[in-house]
N, C-alpha and C. Protein backbone atom coordinates (compact mmCIF):
# COMPACT_ATOMS: atom_id res chain seq x y z
N MET A 1 -26.71 351.96 57.91
CA MET A 1 -27.52 351.25 56.87
C MET A 1 -27.15 349.68 57.02
N TRP A 2 -25.86 349.36 57.22
CA TRP A 2 -25.69 347.89 57.40
C TRP A 2 -26.29 347.36 58.69
N GLU A 3 -26.49 348.17 59.70
CA GLU A 3 -27.14 347.71 60.83
C GLU A 3 -28.54 347.51 60.44
N HIS A 4 -29.26 348.16 59.66
CA HIS A 4 -30.46 348.03 59.34
C HIS A 4 -30.65 346.70 58.57
N ILE A 5 -29.82 346.41 57.53
CA ILE A 5 -29.81 345.03 56.72
C ILE A 5 -29.57 343.95 57.72
N TYR A 6 -28.63 344.09 58.71
CA TYR A 6 -28.26 343.10 59.60
C TYR A 6 -29.57 342.70 60.46
N PHE A 7 -30.29 343.73 60.90
CA PHE A 7 -31.42 343.63 61.76
C PHE A 7 -32.41 342.78 61.01
N ASN A 8 -32.70 343.28 59.76
CA ASN A 8 -33.79 342.45 58.88
C ASN A 8 -33.39 341.20 58.70
N ILE A 9 -32.18 340.85 58.49
CA ILE A 9 -31.81 339.42 58.14
C ILE A 9 -31.98 338.52 59.47
N ASN A 10 -31.70 339.10 60.43
CA ASN A 10 -31.92 338.45 61.85
C ASN A 10 -33.33 338.21 62.20
N MET A 11 -34.07 339.08 61.88
CA MET A 11 -35.57 339.17 62.04
C MET A 11 -36.26 338.06 61.19
N LYS A 12 -35.79 338.04 59.92
CA LYS A 12 -36.30 336.93 58.99
C LYS A 12 -35.83 335.56 59.54
N LYS A 13 -34.70 335.46 59.99
CA LYS A 13 -34.46 334.18 60.62
C LYS A 13 -35.21 333.85 61.78
N LEU A 14 -35.41 334.86 62.55
CA LEU A 14 -36.33 334.59 63.93
C LEU A 14 -37.70 334.11 63.50
N PHE A 15 -38.30 334.53 62.39
CA PHE A 15 -39.65 334.06 61.89
C PHE A 15 -39.51 332.75 60.94
N VAL A 16 -38.63 332.74 60.06
CA VAL A 16 -38.38 331.73 59.09
C VAL A 16 -38.15 330.38 59.84
N LEU A 17 -37.01 330.36 60.71
CA LEU A 17 -36.63 329.19 61.45
C LEU A 17 -37.59 328.43 62.03
N PRO A 18 -38.36 329.16 63.10
CA PRO A 18 -39.51 328.46 63.67
C PRO A 18 -40.69 327.92 62.70
N ALA A 19 -40.86 328.53 61.60
CA ALA A 19 -41.91 328.15 60.62
C ALA A 19 -41.32 326.95 59.94
N VAL A 20 -40.04 326.79 59.62
CA VAL A 20 -39.58 325.59 59.04
C VAL A 20 -39.59 324.43 60.08
N ALA A 21 -39.10 324.71 61.25
CA ALA A 21 -39.36 323.70 62.24
C ALA A 21 -40.63 323.12 62.64
N LEU A 22 -41.56 323.98 62.55
CA LEU A 22 -42.96 323.61 62.58
C LEU A 22 -43.56 322.76 61.51
N ALA A 23 -43.14 323.12 60.25
CA ALA A 23 -43.52 322.44 59.15
C ALA A 23 -42.97 321.05 59.09
N LEU A 24 -41.55 320.93 59.49
CA LEU A 24 -40.87 319.60 59.72
C LEU A 24 -41.56 318.67 60.68
N SER A 25 -41.92 319.32 61.83
CA SER A 25 -42.59 318.42 62.87
C SER A 25 -43.84 317.94 62.38
N PHE A 26 -44.66 318.87 61.69
CA PHE A 26 -45.87 318.30 60.98
C PHE A 26 -45.77 317.20 60.04
N ALA A 27 -44.71 317.25 59.16
CA ALA A 27 -44.42 316.31 58.14
C ALA A 27 -43.96 315.03 58.91
N ALA A 28 -43.19 315.08 59.97
CA ALA A 28 -42.74 313.94 60.73
C ALA A 28 -43.94 313.18 61.50
N CYS A 29 -44.94 314.04 61.85
CA CYS A 29 -46.01 313.41 62.56
C CYS A 29 -47.14 312.93 61.65
N GLY A 30 -47.10 313.30 60.45
CA GLY A 30 -48.13 313.09 59.53
C GLY A 30 -48.73 311.56 59.49
N GLY A 31 -47.84 310.64 59.71
CA GLY A 31 -48.22 309.34 59.51
C GLY A 31 -48.68 308.65 60.91
N SER A 32 -48.78 309.38 61.91
CA SER A 32 -49.20 308.90 63.20
C SER A 32 -50.68 309.09 63.58
N GLU A 33 -51.51 309.26 62.59
CA GLU A 33 -52.88 309.41 62.82
C GLU A 33 -53.36 308.09 63.43
N ASN A 34 -54.43 308.22 64.32
CA ASN A 34 -54.92 306.98 64.88
C ASN A 34 -55.92 306.40 63.96
N LYS A 35 -55.53 305.33 63.20
CA LYS A 35 -56.54 304.78 62.25
C LYS A 35 -56.97 303.42 62.75
N SER A 36 -58.31 303.21 63.09
CA SER A 36 -58.66 301.90 63.60
C SER A 36 -58.99 300.99 62.44
N THR A 37 -58.67 299.75 62.45
CA THR A 37 -58.98 298.83 61.32
C THR A 37 -60.32 298.14 61.73
N THR A 38 -60.85 297.64 60.68
CA THR A 38 -62.18 296.89 61.00
C THR A 38 -61.98 295.53 60.57
N THR A 39 -60.81 294.82 60.71
CA THR A 39 -60.66 293.39 60.33
C THR A 39 -60.02 292.74 61.43
N THR A 40 -60.39 291.56 61.47
CA THR A 40 -59.87 290.71 62.44
C THR A 40 -59.43 289.31 61.67
N THR A 41 -58.57 288.57 62.39
CA THR A 41 -57.94 287.34 61.78
C THR A 41 -58.58 286.21 62.41
N GLU A 42 -59.10 285.28 61.66
CA GLU A 42 -59.79 284.09 62.30
C GLU A 42 -59.06 282.89 61.62
N THR A 43 -58.82 281.94 62.33
CA THR A 43 -58.12 280.65 61.89
C THR A 43 -59.27 279.54 61.60
N THR A 44 -59.29 278.99 60.53
CA THR A 44 -60.11 277.84 60.20
C THR A 44 -59.66 276.64 60.54
N SER A 45 -60.37 275.55 60.54
CA SER A 45 -59.93 274.21 60.97
C SER A 45 -58.90 273.62 60.16
N SER A 46 -58.70 274.14 58.89
CA SER A 46 -57.63 273.69 58.15
C SER A 46 -56.25 274.52 58.32
N SER A 47 -56.28 275.23 59.42
CA SER A 47 -55.06 276.20 59.77
C SER A 47 -54.87 277.16 58.69
N GLU A 48 -55.75 277.50 58.01
CA GLU A 48 -55.69 278.59 56.93
C GLU A 48 -56.15 279.92 57.54
N THR A 49 -55.56 281.05 57.36
CA THR A 49 -55.89 282.25 57.92
C THR A 49 -56.88 283.03 56.97
N VAL A 50 -57.90 283.41 57.47
CA VAL A 50 -58.91 284.22 56.56
C VAL A 50 -59.22 285.57 57.24
N GLU A 51 -59.04 286.55 56.47
CA GLU A 51 -59.30 287.91 56.94
C GLU A 51 -60.88 288.21 56.81
N THR A 52 -61.62 288.62 57.98
CA THR A 52 -62.90 288.99 58.05
C THR A 52 -63.26 290.38 58.48
N GLU A 53 -64.15 290.90 57.95
CA GLU A 53 -64.39 292.35 58.50
C GLU A 53 -65.25 292.24 59.71
N THR A 54 -65.04 293.05 60.71
CA THR A 54 -65.88 293.17 61.98
C THR A 54 -66.89 294.22 61.64
N VAL A 55 -68.05 293.80 61.85
CA VAL A 55 -69.30 294.78 61.64
C VAL A 55 -69.89 295.12 63.05
N PRO A 56 -69.68 296.49 63.19
CA PRO A 56 -70.28 297.11 64.56
C PRO A 56 -71.80 296.69 64.65
N GLY A 57 -72.21 296.19 65.79
CA GLY A 57 -73.66 296.01 66.03
C GLY A 57 -74.17 294.64 65.67
N ILE A 58 -73.23 293.79 64.99
CA ILE A 58 -73.75 292.62 64.56
C ILE A 58 -74.20 291.54 65.74
N GLU A 59 -73.49 291.80 66.85
CA GLU A 59 -73.95 290.97 68.04
C GLU A 59 -75.27 291.15 68.52
N ASN A 60 -75.99 292.25 68.08
CA ASN A 60 -77.24 292.58 68.38
C ASN A 60 -78.38 292.01 67.37
N VAL A 61 -77.91 291.46 66.48
CA VAL A 61 -78.66 290.80 65.33
C VAL A 61 -78.88 289.47 65.44
N GLU A 62 -80.02 288.83 65.37
CA GLU A 62 -80.29 287.55 65.48
C GLU A 62 -79.96 286.87 64.26
N VAL A 63 -79.42 285.56 64.32
CA VAL A 63 -79.07 284.71 63.25
C VAL A 63 -80.38 284.21 62.65
N SER A 64 -80.53 284.50 61.29
CA SER A 64 -81.79 283.84 60.75
C SER A 64 -81.40 283.70 59.17
N ASN A 65 -81.83 282.63 58.64
CA ASN A 65 -81.66 282.24 57.19
C ASN A 65 -82.93 282.33 56.46
N ASN A 66 -83.88 283.02 57.09
CA ASN A 66 -85.18 283.27 56.47
C ASN A 66 -85.51 284.82 56.79
N ILE A 67 -85.26 285.58 55.71
CA ILE A 67 -85.31 287.15 55.91
C ILE A 67 -86.22 287.74 55.04
N THR A 68 -86.99 288.80 55.66
CA THR A 68 -87.68 289.72 54.73
C THR A 68 -87.15 291.06 54.96
N VAL A 69 -87.07 291.76 53.95
CA VAL A 69 -86.48 293.03 53.76
C VAL A 69 -87.53 293.97 53.07
N GLU A 70 -87.82 295.10 53.54
CA GLU A 70 -88.71 295.96 52.94
C GLU A 70 -88.05 297.13 52.33
N SER A 71 -88.42 297.62 51.15
CA SER A 71 -87.86 298.91 50.59
C SER A 71 -89.04 299.81 50.49
N ASN A 72 -88.76 301.11 50.44
CA ASN A 72 -89.90 302.13 50.33
C ASN A 72 -89.59 303.35 49.58
N ASP A 73 -90.38 304.28 49.45
CA ASP A 73 -90.35 305.46 48.60
C ASP A 73 -89.41 306.43 49.13
N GLN A 74 -88.92 306.28 50.46
CA GLN A 74 -87.91 307.20 50.94
C GLN A 74 -86.38 306.58 50.79
N MET A 75 -86.26 305.63 49.85
CA MET A 75 -85.15 304.92 49.49
C MET A 75 -84.34 304.54 50.67
N LYS A 76 -85.18 303.63 51.26
CA LYS A 76 -84.56 302.90 52.58
C LYS A 76 -84.92 301.36 52.61
N PHE A 77 -83.96 300.74 53.06
CA PHE A 77 -84.30 299.14 53.43
C PHE A 77 -84.68 299.31 54.84
N ASP A 78 -85.61 298.49 55.34
CA ASP A 78 -85.97 298.51 56.71
C ASP A 78 -84.90 297.79 57.63
N LYS A 79 -83.98 296.97 56.96
CA LYS A 79 -82.93 296.33 57.63
C LYS A 79 -81.72 296.54 56.91
N GLU A 80 -80.57 297.05 57.67
CA GLU A 80 -79.38 297.31 57.14
C GLU A 80 -78.30 296.34 57.50
N LEU A 81 -78.58 295.44 58.53
CA LEU A 81 -77.60 294.53 59.03
C LEU A 81 -78.22 293.14 59.15
N LEU A 82 -77.79 292.29 58.53
CA LEU A 82 -78.36 290.87 58.53
C LEU A 82 -77.25 289.79 58.86
N ARG A 83 -77.81 288.69 59.61
CA ARG A 83 -76.79 287.62 60.19
C ARG A 83 -77.34 286.34 59.74
N VAL A 84 -76.53 285.55 58.99
CA VAL A 84 -76.94 284.26 58.50
C VAL A 84 -75.89 283.25 58.87
N LYS A 85 -76.39 281.90 58.82
CA LYS A 85 -75.32 280.84 58.83
C LYS A 85 -74.78 280.59 57.48
N ALA A 86 -73.51 280.57 57.55
CA ALA A 86 -72.71 280.26 56.35
C ALA A 86 -73.02 278.88 55.83
N GLY A 87 -72.87 278.74 54.60
CA GLY A 87 -73.06 277.28 54.09
C GLY A 87 -74.34 276.69 54.01
N GLU A 88 -75.39 277.38 54.54
CA GLU A 88 -76.78 277.03 54.62
C GLU A 88 -77.68 277.81 53.82
N ALA A 89 -78.73 277.30 53.24
CA ALA A 89 -79.61 278.03 52.32
C ALA A 89 -80.09 279.31 53.04
N VAL A 90 -80.25 280.42 52.39
CA VAL A 90 -80.92 281.68 52.90
C VAL A 90 -81.98 281.94 51.92
N THR A 91 -83.13 282.20 52.58
CA THR A 91 -84.31 282.65 51.77
C THR A 91 -84.63 284.00 52.21
N LEU A 92 -84.46 284.88 51.12
CA LEU A 92 -84.69 286.35 51.49
C LEU A 92 -85.78 286.71 50.56
N THR A 93 -86.70 287.50 51.16
CA THR A 93 -87.93 288.05 50.48
C THR A 93 -87.74 289.54 50.51
N LEU A 94 -87.74 290.15 49.39
CA LEU A 94 -87.78 291.65 49.26
C LEU A 94 -89.15 292.16 48.91
N LYS A 95 -89.64 293.07 49.67
CA LYS A 95 -90.98 293.61 49.49
C LYS A 95 -90.77 295.13 49.16
N ASN A 96 -91.46 295.69 48.15
CA ASN A 96 -91.49 297.12 47.82
C ASN A 96 -92.73 297.58 48.44
N VAL A 97 -92.61 298.26 49.62
CA VAL A 97 -93.89 298.69 50.28
C VAL A 97 -94.25 300.16 49.88
N GLY A 98 -93.49 300.65 48.95
CA GLY A 98 -93.83 302.10 48.38
C GLY A 98 -94.91 302.04 47.38
N THR A 99 -95.28 303.33 47.13
CA THR A 99 -96.38 303.45 46.11
C THR A 99 -96.08 304.28 44.88
N LEU A 100 -94.90 304.75 44.65
CA LEU A 100 -94.41 305.47 43.54
C LEU A 100 -94.15 304.39 42.43
N PRO A 101 -94.18 304.81 41.18
CA PRO A 101 -94.07 303.77 39.99
C PRO A 101 -92.73 303.25 39.90
N LYS A 102 -92.54 302.06 39.39
CA LYS A 102 -91.32 301.33 39.26
C LYS A 102 -90.27 302.16 38.36
N GLU A 103 -90.84 302.87 37.47
CA GLU A 103 -89.86 303.58 36.52
C GLU A 103 -89.14 304.86 37.23
N SER A 104 -89.79 305.20 38.24
CA SER A 104 -89.06 306.30 39.32
C SER A 104 -88.64 305.79 40.58
N MET A 105 -89.27 304.76 41.15
CA MET A 105 -88.75 304.33 42.42
C MET A 105 -88.72 302.88 42.45
N GLY A 106 -88.20 302.05 41.50
CA GLY A 106 -88.11 300.68 41.54
C GLY A 106 -87.04 300.36 42.47
N HIS A 107 -87.08 299.14 43.14
CA HIS A 107 -86.02 298.64 44.03
C HIS A 107 -85.69 297.25 43.71
N ASN A 108 -84.49 296.80 43.87
CA ASN A 108 -84.02 295.51 44.02
C ASN A 108 -83.04 295.31 45.09
N LEU A 109 -82.66 294.09 45.31
CA LEU A 109 -81.57 293.93 46.41
C LEU A 109 -80.42 292.99 45.80
N ILE A 110 -79.34 293.59 45.65
CA ILE A 110 -78.25 292.78 45.12
C ILE A 110 -77.20 292.51 46.23
N VAL A 111 -76.73 291.21 46.49
CA VAL A 111 -75.85 290.79 47.45
C VAL A 111 -74.55 290.79 46.59
N LEU A 112 -73.61 291.64 46.98
CA LEU A 112 -72.33 291.59 46.17
C LEU A 112 -71.34 290.74 46.91
N LYS A 113 -70.40 290.26 46.23
CA LYS A 113 -69.35 289.40 46.83
C LYS A 113 -68.29 290.22 47.48
N PRO A 114 -67.61 289.81 48.52
CA PRO A 114 -66.75 290.46 49.34
C PRO A 114 -65.68 291.04 48.39
N GLY A 115 -65.31 292.29 48.58
CA GLY A 115 -64.30 292.97 47.93
C GLY A 115 -64.65 293.68 46.68
N VAL A 116 -65.93 293.67 46.36
CA VAL A 116 -66.51 294.30 45.16
C VAL A 116 -66.52 295.81 45.45
N ASP A 117 -65.97 296.68 44.68
CA ASP A 117 -66.19 298.04 44.80
C ASP A 117 -67.54 298.65 44.50
N VAL A 118 -68.32 299.05 45.56
CA VAL A 118 -69.73 299.28 45.37
C VAL A 118 -69.92 300.38 44.33
N ALA A 119 -69.22 301.57 44.44
CA ALA A 119 -69.45 302.74 43.57
C ALA A 119 -69.20 302.16 42.16
N THR A 120 -68.22 301.52 41.82
CA THR A 120 -68.03 300.99 40.41
C THR A 120 -69.02 300.08 39.93
N PHE A 121 -69.52 299.16 40.75
CA PHE A 121 -70.68 298.31 40.39
C PHE A 121 -71.93 299.17 40.10
N ALA A 122 -72.14 300.12 40.98
CA ALA A 122 -73.32 300.90 40.78
C ALA A 122 -73.29 301.74 39.50
N GLY A 123 -72.00 302.29 39.20
CA GLY A 123 -71.94 303.00 37.83
C GLY A 123 -72.19 302.10 36.79
N GLU A 124 -71.83 300.77 36.76
CA GLU A 124 -72.09 299.90 35.70
C GLU A 124 -73.65 299.52 35.65
N ALA A 125 -74.23 299.41 36.87
CA ALA A 125 -75.58 299.10 36.95
C ALA A 125 -76.45 300.12 36.29
N THR A 126 -76.10 301.48 36.41
CA THR A 126 -76.93 302.33 35.91
C THR A 126 -77.21 302.37 34.41
N ALA A 127 -76.22 301.78 33.73
CA ALA A 127 -76.36 301.59 32.23
C ALA A 127 -77.08 300.32 31.92
N ALA A 128 -77.60 299.44 32.88
CA ALA A 128 -78.23 298.19 32.61
C ALA A 128 -79.67 298.32 32.91
N ALA A 129 -80.41 299.36 32.43
CA ALA A 129 -81.87 299.54 32.49
C ALA A 129 -82.57 298.32 31.89
N ASP A 130 -81.94 297.93 30.82
CA ASP A 130 -82.74 296.85 30.04
C ASP A 130 -82.66 295.46 30.93
N ASN A 131 -81.85 295.35 31.86
CA ASN A 131 -81.63 294.21 32.72
C ASN A 131 -81.89 294.43 34.23
N ASP A 132 -82.98 295.18 34.41
CA ASP A 132 -83.39 295.51 35.96
C ASP A 132 -82.09 296.09 36.71
N TYR A 133 -81.27 296.86 36.02
CA TYR A 133 -80.03 297.49 36.54
C TYR A 133 -79.04 296.52 37.20
N ILE A 134 -79.06 295.30 36.60
CA ILE A 134 -78.04 294.30 37.01
C ILE A 134 -77.09 294.18 35.77
N PRO A 135 -75.92 294.86 35.84
CA PRO A 135 -74.92 294.64 34.70
C PRO A 135 -74.60 293.33 34.40
N LYS A 136 -74.74 292.92 33.07
CA LYS A 136 -74.31 291.62 32.62
C LYS A 136 -72.82 291.39 32.77
N THR A 137 -72.12 292.47 32.60
CA THR A 137 -70.63 292.60 32.61
C THR A 137 -70.09 292.47 33.91
N SER A 138 -70.97 292.43 35.01
CA SER A 138 -70.39 292.35 36.38
C SER A 138 -71.14 291.14 37.10
N LEU A 139 -71.57 290.20 36.39
CA LEU A 139 -72.37 289.07 37.07
C LEU A 139 -71.53 288.29 38.06
N SER A 140 -70.18 288.19 37.79
CA SER A 140 -69.12 287.58 38.69
C SER A 140 -69.03 288.30 39.93
N SER A 141 -69.52 289.52 40.11
CA SER A 141 -69.48 290.26 41.27
C SER A 141 -70.79 290.11 42.16
N ILE A 142 -71.60 289.44 41.84
CA ILE A 142 -72.93 289.21 42.54
C ILE A 142 -73.04 287.81 43.04
N ALA A 143 -73.27 287.85 44.45
CA ALA A 143 -73.71 286.53 45.06
C ALA A 143 -75.09 286.03 44.95
N ALA A 144 -76.05 287.11 44.75
CA ALA A 144 -77.37 286.73 44.60
C ALA A 144 -78.05 288.14 44.40
N HIS A 145 -79.35 288.01 43.75
CA HIS A 145 -80.10 289.33 43.53
C HIS A 145 -81.64 288.94 43.32
N THR A 146 -82.39 290.05 43.56
CA THR A 146 -83.80 289.89 43.27
C THR A 146 -84.07 290.64 42.06
N LYS A 147 -85.30 290.49 41.42
CA LYS A 147 -85.66 291.33 40.25
C LYS A 147 -85.95 292.69 40.70
N LEU A 148 -86.13 293.62 39.77
CA LEU A 148 -86.50 295.07 40.15
C LEU A 148 -88.01 294.99 40.50
N LEU A 149 -88.38 295.67 41.53
CA LEU A 149 -89.83 295.60 41.92
C LEU A 149 -90.49 296.91 41.96
N GLY A 150 -91.67 296.94 41.59
CA GLY A 150 -92.58 298.13 41.55
C GLY A 150 -93.39 298.17 42.86
N PRO A 151 -94.26 299.20 43.10
CA PRO A 151 -95.03 299.27 44.31
C PRO A 151 -95.84 297.98 44.58
N GLY A 152 -95.84 297.43 45.82
CA GLY A 152 -96.54 296.41 46.20
C GLY A 152 -96.13 294.99 45.73
N GLU A 153 -94.94 295.02 44.98
CA GLU A 153 -94.48 293.74 44.45
C GLU A 153 -93.39 293.29 45.50
N GLU A 154 -93.27 291.85 45.34
CA GLU A 154 -92.18 291.13 46.28
C GLU A 154 -91.65 290.21 45.38
N ASP A 155 -90.37 289.73 45.94
CA ASP A 155 -89.59 288.60 45.08
C ASP A 155 -88.77 287.86 46.22
N LYS A 156 -88.86 286.61 46.07
CA LYS A 156 -88.21 285.65 46.99
C LYS A 156 -86.97 284.89 46.30
N ILE A 157 -85.91 284.97 46.88
CA ILE A 157 -84.91 284.23 46.31
C ILE A 157 -84.21 283.26 47.38
N THR A 158 -83.48 282.34 47.01
CA THR A 158 -82.78 281.55 47.87
C THR A 158 -81.29 281.31 47.37
N PHE A 159 -80.32 281.42 48.26
CA PHE A 159 -79.00 281.30 48.03
C PHE A 159 -78.09 280.87 49.24
N THR A 160 -76.98 280.56 48.91
CA THR A 160 -75.91 280.11 50.04
C THR A 160 -74.67 281.02 50.03
N LEU A 161 -74.33 281.34 51.08
CA LEU A 161 -73.11 282.17 51.15
C LEU A 161 -72.05 281.54 52.16
N ASP A 162 -70.82 281.71 51.60
CA ASP A 162 -69.68 281.21 52.32
C ASP A 162 -69.50 282.17 53.56
N LYS A 163 -68.60 281.79 54.41
CA LYS A 163 -68.22 282.69 55.54
C LYS A 163 -67.70 283.97 55.20
N GLY A 164 -68.31 285.09 55.60
CA GLY A 164 -67.65 286.49 55.19
C GLY A 164 -68.69 287.58 55.46
N VAL A 165 -68.28 288.65 54.88
CA VAL A 165 -69.14 289.86 54.99
C VAL A 165 -69.55 290.41 53.71
N TYR A 166 -70.93 290.49 53.40
CA TYR A 166 -71.35 290.86 51.95
C TYR A 166 -72.05 292.23 52.09
N THR A 167 -71.93 292.92 51.11
CA THR A 167 -72.50 294.24 51.08
C THR A 167 -73.76 294.00 50.17
N PHE A 168 -74.99 294.56 50.65
CA PHE A 168 -76.18 294.38 49.68
C PHE A 168 -76.70 295.87 49.40
N ILE A 169 -77.05 296.02 48.14
CA ILE A 169 -77.43 297.37 47.58
C ILE A 169 -78.70 297.25 46.78
N CYS A 170 -79.36 298.35 46.59
CA CYS A 170 -80.35 298.65 45.51
C CYS A 170 -79.59 299.37 44.34
N SER A 171 -79.69 298.68 43.18
CA SER A 171 -78.82 299.28 42.05
C SER A 171 -79.75 300.10 41.14
N PHE A 172 -80.90 300.50 41.63
CA PHE A 172 -81.62 301.56 40.71
C PHE A 172 -80.82 302.72 40.79
N PRO A 173 -80.74 303.45 39.73
CA PRO A 173 -79.91 304.79 39.68
C PRO A 173 -80.15 305.66 40.83
N GLY A 174 -79.01 305.98 41.57
CA GLY A 174 -79.08 306.85 42.62
C GLY A 174 -79.46 306.34 43.99
N HIS A 175 -79.75 305.02 44.04
CA HIS A 175 -80.23 304.46 45.18
C HIS A 175 -79.10 303.91 46.08
N TYR A 176 -78.05 303.32 45.51
CA TYR A 176 -77.12 302.59 46.18
C TYR A 176 -76.42 303.49 47.34
N GLY A 177 -76.38 304.85 47.15
CA GLY A 177 -75.67 305.54 48.26
C GLY A 177 -76.30 305.47 49.71
N VAL A 178 -77.62 305.28 49.57
CA VAL A 178 -78.44 305.28 50.90
C VAL A 178 -79.08 303.81 51.12
N MET A 179 -79.26 303.16 49.97
CA MET A 179 -79.89 301.80 50.19
C MET A 179 -78.81 300.75 50.16
N GLN A 180 -78.17 300.53 51.22
CA GLN A 180 -77.17 299.45 51.38
C GLN A 180 -77.09 298.88 52.88
N GLY A 181 -76.60 297.72 52.93
CA GLY A 181 -76.36 297.05 54.20
C GLY A 181 -75.41 296.08 54.09
N LYS A 182 -75.31 295.29 55.18
CA LYS A 182 -74.30 294.12 55.15
C LYS A 182 -75.01 292.78 55.66
N ILE A 183 -74.45 291.84 55.08
CA ILE A 183 -74.96 290.50 55.50
C ILE A 183 -73.61 289.81 56.07
N VAL A 184 -73.73 289.40 57.35
CA VAL A 184 -72.59 288.62 57.86
C VAL A 184 -73.06 287.09 57.86
N ALA A 185 -72.21 286.37 57.14
CA ALA A 185 -72.31 284.94 57.05
C ALA A 185 -71.17 284.36 58.08
N GLU A 186 -71.77 283.59 59.07
CA GLU A 186 -70.75 283.10 60.08
C GLU A 186 -70.96 281.61 60.29
């Protein structure tokens, strides 16, 4: 009988010890995932360091401070990556080329300041139907915005951006998840 108990204890050790060792090795290696960052450090003329986001594909986008963006019934902007000269006036025209009514498929274009949490902003925007889905409580998060457009409408705005990367979205409820892009001001 004692031999049977001794055998069971040894067998348990045989299975438990490798399992514990394996768990410890996973725990020790957990922080070694290869996470690439999307930031680079640039030095300005005043020897001040500024963190800027690197945007893949920006090298293929022409610099232009006169931009037209179209929105449509498929909840898409025709451009998702824009490149402008920082410190100079940007003229942006948003055209709603869709045919669905403004109440169900209205579009705007809001340029958010760097660092703004898009999901939080969009959640606040949902409650701002009376103000074209532009939350008055978050105006400090906005660099520029168009009005809410119905089918065939367009709006032209002029603004200036400091050097950086800005997210732009449509804040009509449910649209921001697919209707967003980046403006790189350099």
